[in-house]
Amino acid sequence: GCVRRFEPSLTAYQICGRASSDIIKSGGYKISALEIEREILANENVAEVAVVGKPDETWGERVLAVVRWKDAKDPDSALKPLQASLKDKLASYKIPRELVTVEDIPKNAMGKVNKKTLLQALPVADEER
């Protein structure tokens, strides 16, 4: 939906843009989370993925991938190989800078991932990097 703000001095609403969890705004780029998810899912070791924009003071948002692996992976050693596998498929600014490994990606009653809730539930949501 649209994001708006009431401007009392003008007694009018100001349209600020759209709030979409599938569009990540990073460093002036509008990045499709769905495109990144599609490329990550092409990796045979990935069972499920959700890509979200993590708030970042410098870039606006950073690309963060939440991954459920088919086989257990060490989260500390999984990011670099994933980035390397995406290097030839995605522009460098689209490649996830952070990776969170989970046992399950929570979904709503309709089976969809609520990315806003997911980001808030992750331990990295409160970290400053």
N, C-alpha and C. Protein backbone atom coordinates (compact mmCIF):
# COMPACT_ATOMS: atom_id res chain seq x y z
N GLY A 1 0.81 -1.18 0.00
CA GLY A 1 0.00 0.00 0.00
C GLY A 1 0.86 1.25 0.00
N CYS A 2 0.20 2.34 -0.18
CA CYS A 2 0.88 3.64 -0.20
C CYS A 2 1.20 4.11 1.21
N VAL A 3 2.33 4.78 1.35
CA VAL A 3 2.71 5.39 2.61
C VAL A 3 2.42 6.87 2.48
N ARG A 4 1.69 7.39 3.45
CA ARG A 4 1.37 8.81 3.41
C ARG A 4 1.61 9.42 4.78
N ARG A 5 1.72 10.74 4.79
CA ARG A 5 1.97 11.45 6.04
C ARG A 5 1.13 12.73 6.00
N PHE A 6 0.45 13.03 7.12
CA PHE A 6 -0.34 14.26 7.19
C PHE A 6 0.59 15.43 7.45
N GLU A 7 0.49 16.45 6.65
CA GLU A 7 1.31 17.66 6.77
C GLU A 7 0.42 18.77 7.33
N PRO A 8 0.51 19.04 8.66
CA PRO A 8 -0.39 20.01 9.29
C PRO A 8 -0.30 21.42 8.69
N SER A 9 0.88 21.84 8.30
CA SER A 9 1.03 23.20 7.77
C SER A 9 0.26 23.38 6.46
N LEU A 10 0.08 22.31 5.73
CA LEU A 10 -0.66 22.37 4.46
C LEU A 10 -2.09 21.86 4.61
N THR A 11 -2.41 21.31 5.78
CA THR A 11 -3.67 20.60 6.03
C THR A 11 -3.97 19.62 4.88
N ALA A 12 -2.95 18.85 4.54
CA ALA A 12 -3.06 17.89 3.46
C ALA A 12 -2.16 16.70 3.74
N TYR A 13 -2.40 15.61 3.00
CA TYR A 13 -1.56 14.43 3.10
C TYR A 13 -0.45 14.50 2.05
N GLN A 14 0.72 14.05 2.43
CA GLN A 14 1.84 13.96 1.51
C GLN A 14 2.06 12.48 1.21
N ILE A 15 2.07 12.11 -0.08
CA ILE A 15 2.31 10.72 -0.47
C ILE A 15 3.82 10.50 -0.48
N CYS A 16 4.27 9.52 0.31
CA CYS A 16 5.71 9.27 0.47
C CYS A 16 6.21 8.12 -0.39
N GLY A 17 5.32 7.30 -0.91
CA GLY A 17 5.75 6.16 -1.71
C GLY A 17 4.95 4.94 -1.36
N ARG A 18 5.49 3.79 -1.69
CA ARG A 18 4.80 2.54 -1.41
C ARG A 18 5.58 1.72 -0.40
N ALA A 19 4.84 1.00 0.43
CA ALA A 19 5.45 0.11 1.42
C ALA A 19 5.29 -1.32 0.92
N SER A 20 6.33 -1.89 0.39
CA SER A 20 6.29 -3.25 -0.11
C SER A 20 7.47 -4.01 0.46
N SER A 21 7.19 -5.18 1.01
CA SER A 21 8.29 -5.98 1.55
C SER A 21 9.00 -6.76 0.45
N ASP A 22 8.47 -6.71 -0.78
CA ASP A 22 9.13 -7.40 -1.89
C ASP A 22 10.04 -6.47 -2.69
N ILE A 23 10.07 -5.20 -2.33
CA ILE A 23 10.99 -4.25 -2.95
C ILE A 23 11.92 -3.74 -1.86
N ILE A 24 13.21 -3.93 -2.07
CA ILE A 24 14.24 -3.48 -1.12
C ILE A 24 14.87 -2.23 -1.70
N LYS A 25 14.93 -1.19 -0.91
CA LYS A 25 15.54 0.07 -1.37
C LYS A 25 16.91 0.19 -0.71
N SER A 26 17.95 0.06 -1.52
CA SER A 26 19.31 0.06 -1.01
C SER A 26 20.21 0.91 -1.88
N GLY A 27 20.79 1.95 -1.30
CA GLY A 27 21.74 2.78 -2.01
C GLY A 27 21.20 3.38 -3.30
N GLY A 28 19.93 3.73 -3.32
CA GLY A 28 19.32 4.31 -4.51
C GLY A 28 18.76 3.30 -5.49
N TYR A 29 18.98 2.02 -5.26
CA TYR A 29 18.45 0.96 -6.12
C TYR A 29 17.14 0.43 -5.54
N LYS A 30 16.23 0.05 -6.42
CA LYS A 30 15.04 -0.68 -6.03
C LYS A 30 15.27 -2.12 -6.45
N ILE A 31 15.37 -3.01 -5.47
CA ILE A 31 15.78 -4.39 -5.69
C ILE A 31 14.59 -5.32 -5.45
N SER A 32 14.35 -6.22 -6.38
CA SER A 32 13.27 -7.19 -6.24
C SER A 32 13.71 -8.36 -5.36
N ALA A 33 13.06 -8.51 -4.21
CA ALA A 33 13.34 -9.65 -3.34
C ALA A 33 12.96 -10.96 -4.03
N LEU A 34 11.92 -10.91 -4.86
CA LEU A 34 11.45 -12.12 -5.55
C LEU A 34 12.49 -12.63 -6.54
N GLU A 35 13.17 -11.73 -7.23
CA GLU A 35 14.23 -12.13 -8.17
C GLU A 35 15.38 -12.83 -7.42
N ILE A 36 15.76 -12.27 -6.28
CA ILE A 36 16.85 -12.86 -5.49
C ILE A 36 16.42 -14.21 -4.94
N GLU A 37 15.19 -14.31 -4.46
CA GLU A 37 14.69 -15.59 -3.94
C GLU A 37 14.71 -16.65 -5.03
N ARG A 38 14.30 -16.29 -6.23
CA ARG A 38 14.28 -17.25 -7.34
C ARG A 38 15.68 -17.80 -7.62
N GLU A 39 16.68 -16.92 -7.62
CA GLU A 39 18.06 -17.36 -7.88
C GLU A 39 18.61 -18.21 -6.74
N ILE A 40 18.28 -17.86 -5.51
CA ILE A 40 18.76 -18.65 -4.36
C ILE A 40 18.10 -20.03 -4.36
N LEU A 41 16.81 -20.08 -4.71
CA LEU A 41 16.11 -21.38 -4.74
C LEU A 41 16.66 -22.31 -5.82
N ALA A 42 17.36 -21.77 -6.80
CA ALA A 42 17.99 -22.61 -7.82
C ALA A 42 19.14 -23.42 -7.24
N ASN A 43 19.64 -23.01 -6.07
CA ASN A 43 20.70 -23.74 -5.37
C ASN A 43 20.10 -25.04 -4.83
N GLU A 44 20.69 -26.16 -5.20
CA GLU A 44 20.13 -27.47 -4.83
C GLU A 44 20.12 -27.73 -3.32
N ASN A 45 20.89 -26.99 -2.54
CA ASN A 45 20.94 -27.20 -1.09
C ASN A 45 19.90 -26.38 -0.33
N VAL A 46 19.20 -25.48 -1.02
CA VAL A 46 18.24 -24.60 -0.36
C VAL A 46 16.85 -25.19 -0.45
N ALA A 47 16.19 -25.34 0.71
CA ALA A 47 14.83 -25.85 0.74
C ALA A 47 13.82 -24.71 0.65
N GLU A 48 14.14 -23.59 1.29
CA GLU A 48 13.21 -22.47 1.35
C GLU A 48 13.99 -21.20 1.65
N VAL A 49 13.51 -20.07 1.12
CA VAL A 49 14.21 -18.80 1.34
C VAL A 49 13.21 -17.65 1.38
N ALA A 50 13.55 -16.65 2.17
CA ALA A 50 12.83 -15.38 2.17
C ALA A 50 13.89 -14.29 2.17
N VAL A 51 13.77 -13.33 1.27
CA VAL A 51 14.73 -12.22 1.20
C VAL A 51 14.01 -10.97 1.66
N VAL A 52 14.64 -10.26 2.59
CA VAL A 52 14.06 -9.04 3.16
C VAL A 52 15.08 -7.92 3.17
N GLY A 53 14.59 -6.72 3.34
CA GLY A 53 15.46 -5.56 3.49
C GLY A 53 15.64 -5.25 4.96
N LYS A 54 16.87 -5.33 5.43
CA LYS A 54 17.17 -5.01 6.83
C LYS A 54 17.54 -3.53 6.90
N PRO A 55 16.90 -2.77 7.78
CA PRO A 55 17.22 -1.34 7.88
C PRO A 55 18.72 -1.10 8.08
N ASP A 56 19.25 -0.12 7.35
CA ASP A 56 20.67 0.20 7.41
C ASP A 56 20.81 1.72 7.35
N GLU A 57 21.57 2.27 8.26
CA GLU A 57 21.73 3.72 8.35
C GLU A 57 22.38 4.32 7.11
N THR A 58 23.32 3.61 6.52
CA THR A 58 24.05 4.14 5.36
C THR A 58 23.31 3.90 4.05
N TRP A 59 22.82 2.69 3.83
CA TRP A 59 22.25 2.29 2.54
C TRP A 59 20.73 2.37 2.48
N GLY A 60 20.06 2.60 3.59
CA GLY A 60 18.60 2.55 3.63
C GLY A 60 18.16 1.17 4.06
N GLU A 61 18.49 0.18 3.26
CA GLU A 61 18.25 -1.23 3.60
C GLU A 61 19.40 -2.07 3.06
N ARG A 62 19.64 -3.21 3.72
CA ARG A 62 20.63 -4.18 3.24
C ARG A 62 19.88 -5.45 2.88
N VAL A 63 20.38 -6.15 1.87
CA VAL A 63 19.74 -7.40 1.44
C VAL A 63 20.12 -8.51 2.43
N LEU A 64 19.09 -9.12 3.02
CA LEU A 64 19.25 -10.18 4.01
C LEU A 64 18.47 -11.40 3.53
N ALA A 65 19.13 -12.55 3.48
CA ALA A 65 18.47 -13.80 3.09
C ALA A 65 18.25 -14.67 4.32
N VAL A 66 17.03 -15.14 4.47
CA VAL A 66 16.68 -16.09 5.53
C VAL A 66 16.50 -17.44 4.83
N VAL A 67 17.34 -18.41 5.18
CA VAL A 67 17.39 -19.67 4.43
C VAL A 67 17.14 -20.86 5.33
N ARG A 68 16.31 -21.78 4.81
CA ARG A 68 16.17 -23.11 5.42
C ARG A 68 16.84 -24.06 4.44
N TRP A 69 17.90 -24.71 4.92
CA TRP A 69 18.70 -25.61 4.07
C TRP A 69 18.08 -27.00 4.07
N LYS A 70 18.32 -27.75 3.02
CA LYS A 70 17.87 -29.15 2.96
C LYS A 70 18.64 -29.99 3.97
N ASP A 71 19.94 -29.72 4.07
CA ASP A 71 20.79 -30.37 5.07
C ASP A 71 21.33 -29.29 5.98
N ALA A 72 21.63 -29.65 7.21
CA ALA A 72 22.13 -28.67 8.17
C ALA A 72 23.40 -28.00 7.65
N LYS A 73 23.48 -26.71 7.83
CA LYS A 73 24.65 -25.93 7.39
C LYS A 73 25.15 -25.10 8.56
N ASP A 74 26.43 -24.87 8.58
CA ASP A 74 27.01 -23.96 9.55
C ASP A 74 26.76 -22.55 9.03
N PRO A 75 25.95 -21.74 9.75
CA PRO A 75 25.60 -20.42 9.24
C PRO A 75 26.81 -19.53 8.97
N ASP A 76 27.87 -19.69 9.72
CA ASP A 76 29.05 -18.85 9.54
C ASP A 76 29.79 -19.17 8.25
N SER A 77 29.67 -20.39 7.75
CA SER A 77 30.40 -20.76 6.54
C SER A 77 29.51 -20.81 5.30
N ALA A 78 28.23 -20.51 5.44
CA ALA A 78 27.30 -20.65 4.32
C ALA A 78 27.20 -19.40 3.45
N LEU A 79 27.48 -18.23 4.01
CA LEU A 79 27.28 -16.98 3.27
C LEU A 79 28.19 -16.85 2.06
N LYS A 80 29.48 -17.07 2.22
CA LYS A 80 30.43 -16.88 1.11
C LYS A 80 30.13 -17.78 -0.09
N PRO A 81 29.87 -19.10 0.12
CA PRO A 81 29.54 -19.94 -1.04
C PRO A 81 28.23 -19.51 -1.72
N LEU A 82 27.26 -19.07 -0.92
CA LEU A 82 26.01 -18.60 -1.50
C LEU A 82 26.25 -17.35 -2.35
N GLN A 83 27.03 -16.41 -1.81
CA GLN A 83 27.36 -15.21 -2.57
C GLN A 83 28.09 -15.56 -3.86
N ALA A 84 29.02 -16.50 -3.79
CA ALA A 84 29.78 -16.90 -4.97
C ALA A 84 28.87 -17.52 -6.03
N SER A 85 27.88 -18.29 -5.60
CA SER A 85 26.97 -18.93 -6.56
C SER A 85 26.06 -17.91 -7.24
N LEU A 86 25.85 -16.77 -6.63
CA LEU A 86 24.98 -15.73 -7.19
C LEU A 86 25.73 -14.69 -8.01
N LYS A 87 27.05 -14.71 -7.93
CA LYS A 87 27.87 -13.67 -8.57
C LYS A 87 27.62 -13.54 -10.07
N ASP A 88 27.45 -14.65 -10.76
CA ASP A 88 27.22 -14.61 -12.20
C ASP A 88 25.76 -14.44 -12.59
N LYS A 89 24.86 -14.48 -11.60
CA LYS A 89 23.43 -14.42 -11.88
C LYS A 89 22.78 -13.09 -11.52
N LEU A 90 23.36 -12.39 -10.54
CA LEU A 90 22.78 -11.15 -10.05
C LEU A 90 23.81 -10.04 -10.04
N ALA A 91 23.34 -8.80 -10.15
CA ALA A 91 24.21 -7.65 -9.98
C ALA A 91 24.75 -7.65 -8.55
N SER A 92 25.93 -7.12 -8.35
CA SER A 92 26.58 -7.19 -7.04
C SER A 92 25.75 -6.55 -5.93
N TYR A 93 25.01 -5.49 -6.23
CA TYR A 93 24.21 -4.82 -5.19
C TYR A 93 22.98 -5.64 -4.79
N LYS A 94 22.65 -6.68 -5.55
CA LYS A 94 21.51 -7.53 -5.23
C LYS A 94 21.89 -8.76 -4.39
N ILE A 95 23.16 -9.05 -4.32
CA ILE A 95 23.62 -10.25 -3.60
C ILE A 95 23.51 -10.01 -2.10
N PRO A 96 22.87 -10.94 -1.36
CA PRO A 96 22.70 -10.77 0.08
C PRO A 96 24.03 -10.53 0.80
N ARG A 97 24.03 -9.55 1.68
CA ARG A 97 25.21 -9.23 2.49
C ARG A 97 25.16 -9.95 3.83
N GLU A 98 23.96 -10.42 4.19
CA GLU A 98 23.79 -11.15 5.44
C GLU A 98 22.93 -12.37 5.18
N LEU A 99 23.16 -13.39 6.00
CA LEU A 99 22.43 -14.65 5.87
C LEU A 99 22.04 -15.13 7.26
N VAL A 100 20.79 -15.52 7.40
CA VAL A 100 20.31 -16.12 8.64
C VAL A 100 19.81 -17.52 8.28
N THR A 101 20.32 -18.52 8.98
CA THR A 101 19.88 -19.90 8.77
C THR A 101 18.82 -20.22 9.82
N VAL A 102 17.69 -20.76 9.37
CA VAL A 102 16.60 -21.11 10.27
C VAL A 102 16.15 -22.54 10.01
N GLU A 103 15.49 -23.11 11.01
CA GLU A 103 14.93 -24.45 10.84
C GLU A 103 13.58 -24.41 10.14
N ASP A 104 12.90 -23.26 10.26
CA ASP A 104 11.60 -23.11 9.64
C ASP A 104 11.34 -21.63 9.38
N ILE A 105 10.75 -21.31 8.24
CA ILE A 105 10.34 -19.94 7.94
C ILE A 105 8.86 -19.86 8.24
N PRO A 106 8.49 -19.04 9.23
CA PRO A 106 7.08 -18.99 9.63
C PRO A 106 6.18 -18.41 8.54
N LYS A 107 4.96 -18.96 8.47
CA LYS A 107 3.99 -18.53 7.46
C LYS A 107 2.65 -18.25 8.14
N ASN A 108 1.82 -17.46 7.47
CA ASN A 108 0.50 -17.17 8.00
C ASN A 108 -0.46 -18.31 7.64
N ALA A 109 -1.73 -18.16 7.96
CA ALA A 109 -2.73 -19.21 7.74
C ALA A 109 -2.89 -19.55 6.26
N MET A 110 -2.55 -18.60 5.38
CA MET A 110 -2.68 -18.85 3.95
C MET A 110 -1.40 -19.44 3.35
N GLY A 111 -0.39 -19.68 4.19
CA GLY A 111 0.85 -20.28 3.73
C GLY A 111 1.85 -19.28 3.16
N LYS A 112 1.62 -18.00 3.40
CA LYS A 112 2.53 -16.97 2.89
C LYS A 112 3.44 -16.48 4.00
N VAL A 113 4.64 -16.07 3.61
CA VAL A 113 5.60 -15.52 4.55
C VAL A 113 5.27 -14.05 4.76
N ASN A 114 5.11 -13.65 6.03
CA ASN A 114 4.93 -12.24 6.35
C ASN A 114 6.32 -11.68 6.61
N LYS A 115 6.91 -11.03 5.61
CA LYS A 115 8.30 -10.60 5.69
C LYS A 115 8.53 -9.53 6.75
N LYS A 116 7.56 -8.67 6.97
CA LYS A 116 7.72 -7.64 8.00
C LYS A 116 7.81 -8.27 9.38
N THR A 117 6.95 -9.24 9.65
CA THR A 117 6.98 -9.96 10.92
C THR A 117 8.25 -10.80 11.03
N LEU A 118 8.65 -11.43 9.94
CA LEU A 118 9.85 -12.26 9.93
C LEU A 118 11.08 -11.45 10.31
N LEU A 119 11.24 -10.28 9.72
CA LEU A 119 12.40 -9.44 10.01
C LEU A 119 12.43 -9.03 11.48
N GLN A 120 11.28 -8.71 12.04
CA GLN A 120 11.22 -8.31 13.45
C GLN A 120 11.55 -9.47 14.38
N ALA A 121 11.24 -10.69 13.96
CA ALA A 121 11.46 -11.86 14.79
C ALA A 121 12.91 -12.37 14.77
N LEU A 122 13.69 -11.92 13.78
CA LEU A 122 15.06 -12.39 13.65
C LEU A 122 15.97 -11.73 14.67
N PRO A 123 16.95 -12.47 15.18
CA PRO A 123 17.89 -11.88 16.14
C PRO A 123 18.72 -10.75 15.53
N VAL A 124 18.92 -10.74 14.21
CA VAL A 124 19.75 -9.70 13.58
C VAL A 124 19.00 -8.38 13.48
N ALA A 125 17.69 -8.39 13.70
CA ALA A 125 16.91 -7.17 13.55
C ALA A 125 17.35 -6.09 14.51
N ASP A 126 17.90 -6.47 15.67
CA ASP A 126 18.29 -5.48 16.66
C ASP A 126 19.78 -5.15 16.64
N GLU A 127 20.56 -5.90 15.86
CA GLU A 127 22.00 -5.69 15.82
C GLU A 127 22.37 -4.48 14.98
N GLU A 128 23.42 -3.81 15.35
CA GLU A 128 23.99 -2.73 14.54
C GLU A 128 25.28 -3.25 13.92
N ARG A 129 25.43 -3.08 12.61
CA ARG A 129 26.65 -3.52 11.96
C ARG A 129 27.27 -2.41 11.21
